[in-house]
Amino acid sequence: MTALGGKLPVNTSGGLKSKGHPVGATGVAQVIEIARQLRGEAGPRQVKGARVGLTQNMGGTGAAPSSTFSRPSRLGFLDRRVRDHGQSRT
């Protein structure tokens, strides 16, 4: 289910341990993998039809940041909000 090709692929790049778990760079590595997936640039790790990605990390202090990413073209209402940002609505 969570393997590449499964219903809900997880750690498509092999996870952070496959990168040597570089402290401080783990979140960046996650975001880069999600960006590659959403752009269709992940090569043999590509999740077919990837539209949404989630990163989650945990720090030694107990912090647990997470981020959700999506393809803007799939969410038209967000495209409008970005396009109209900063424009007067008078």
Protein backbone atom coordinates (compact mmCIF):
# COMPACT_ATOMS: atom_id res chain seq x y z
CA MET A 1 0.00 0.00 0.00
CA THR A 2 2.77 2.51 0.86
CA ALA A 3 5.36 1.25 -1.67
CA LEU A 4 5.97 3.04 -4.95
CA GLY A 5 3.04 2.07 -7.15
CA GLY A 6 0.81 1.50 -4.11
CA LYS A 7 -2.33 3.39 -3.18
CA LEU A 8 -0.46 5.80 -0.84
CA PRO A 9 3.30 5.90 -1.64
CA VAL A 10 5.54 6.95 1.27
CA ASN A 11 9.29 7.75 1.27
CA THR A 12 9.62 7.41 -2.49
CA SER A 13 13.27 8.51 -2.30
CA GLY A 14 14.12 5.89 0.32
CA GLY A 15 13.55 8.17 3.29
CA LEU A 16 16.01 10.33 5.16
CA LYS A 17 18.14 7.43 6.37
CA SER A 18 18.96 6.62 2.74
CA LYS A 19 20.56 10.08 2.59
CA GLY A 20 22.60 9.58 5.77
CA HIS A 21 20.09 11.59 7.84
CA PRO A 22 21.86 14.96 7.46
CA VAL A 23 20.80 16.96 10.52
CA GLY A 24 19.50 20.36 9.46
CA ALA A 25 18.98 19.35 5.85
CA THR A 26 16.29 16.74 6.36
CA GLY A 27 13.38 19.13 5.80
CA VAL A 28 15.00 20.55 2.67
CA ALA A 29 15.48 17.04 1.26
CA GLN A 30 11.79 16.30 1.87
CA VAL A 31 10.62 19.48 0.14
CA ILE A 32 12.89 18.84 -2.86
CA GLU A 33 11.49 15.31 -3.25
CA ILE A 34 7.90 16.60 -3.09
CA ALA A 35 8.68 19.34 -5.64
CA ARG A 36 10.20 16.78 -8.02
CA GLN A 37 7.17 14.51 -7.61
CA LEU A 38 4.68 17.30 -8.28
CA ARG A 39 6.64 18.51 -11.32
CA GLY A 40 6.88 14.98 -12.73
CA GLU A 41 10.70 15.07 -12.45
CA ALA A 42 11.31 12.19 -10.01
CA GLY A 43 12.50 9.71 -12.63
CA PRO A 44 12.16 6.06 -11.57
CA ARG A 45 10.69 7.17 -8.20
CA GLN A 46 7.85 9.09 -9.90
CA VAL A 47 4.39 8.61 -8.42
CA LYS A 48 2.05 8.54 -11.40
CA GLY A 49 -0.39 11.44 -11.29
CA ALA A 50 1.09 13.01 -8.13
CA ARG A 51 -1.05 16.02 -7.14
CA VAL A 52 -0.45 16.49 -3.39
CA GLY A 53 2.58 15.92 -1.17
CA LEU A 54 3.11 16.01 2.58
CA THR A 55 6.33 16.46 4.54
CA GLN A 56 6.67 15.84 8.26
CA ASN A 57 9.75 16.15 10.41
CA MET A 58 10.60 16.00 14.10
CA GLY A 59 13.28 17.95 15.91
CA GLY A 60 15.18 17.12 19.06
CA THR A 61 13.27 19.84 20.92
CA GLY A 62 9.94 18.18 20.21
CA ALA A 63 9.07 20.44 17.29
CA ALA A 64 7.15 18.58 14.60
CA PRO A 65 6.68 20.79 11.51
CA SER A 66 4.70 19.55 8.56
CA SER A 67 3.88 21.06 5.17
CA THR A 68 1.39 20.17 2.47
CA PHE A 69 2.09 20.96 -1.18
CA SER A 70 -0.10 20.71 -4.27
CA ARG A 71 0.03 21.46 -7.96
CA PRO A 72 -1.44 24.98 -8.36
CA SER A 73 -3.10 24.10 -11.65
CA ARG A 74 -5.20 21.50 -9.83
CA LEU A 75 -6.68 24.05 -7.41
CA GLY A 76 -8.10 26.88 -9.48
CA PHE A 77 -9.40 28.83 -6.46
CA LEU A 78 -5.82 29.13 -5.17
CA ASP A 79 -4.64 30.34 -8.57
CA ARG A 80 -7.17 33.19 -8.37
CA ARG A 81 -6.11 34.12 -4.84
CA VAL A 82 -2.45 34.28 -5.88
CA ARG A 83 -3.22 36.26 -9.03
CA ASP A 84 -5.44 38.74 -7.15
CA HIS A 85 -3.14 39.10 -4.12
CA GLY A 86 -2.48 42.73 -3.32
CA GLN A 87 -5.06 44.12 -5.73
CA SER A 88 -7.68 46.53 -4.44
CA ARG A 89 -11.24 45.19 -4.32
CA THR A 90 -13.03 48.53 -4.43
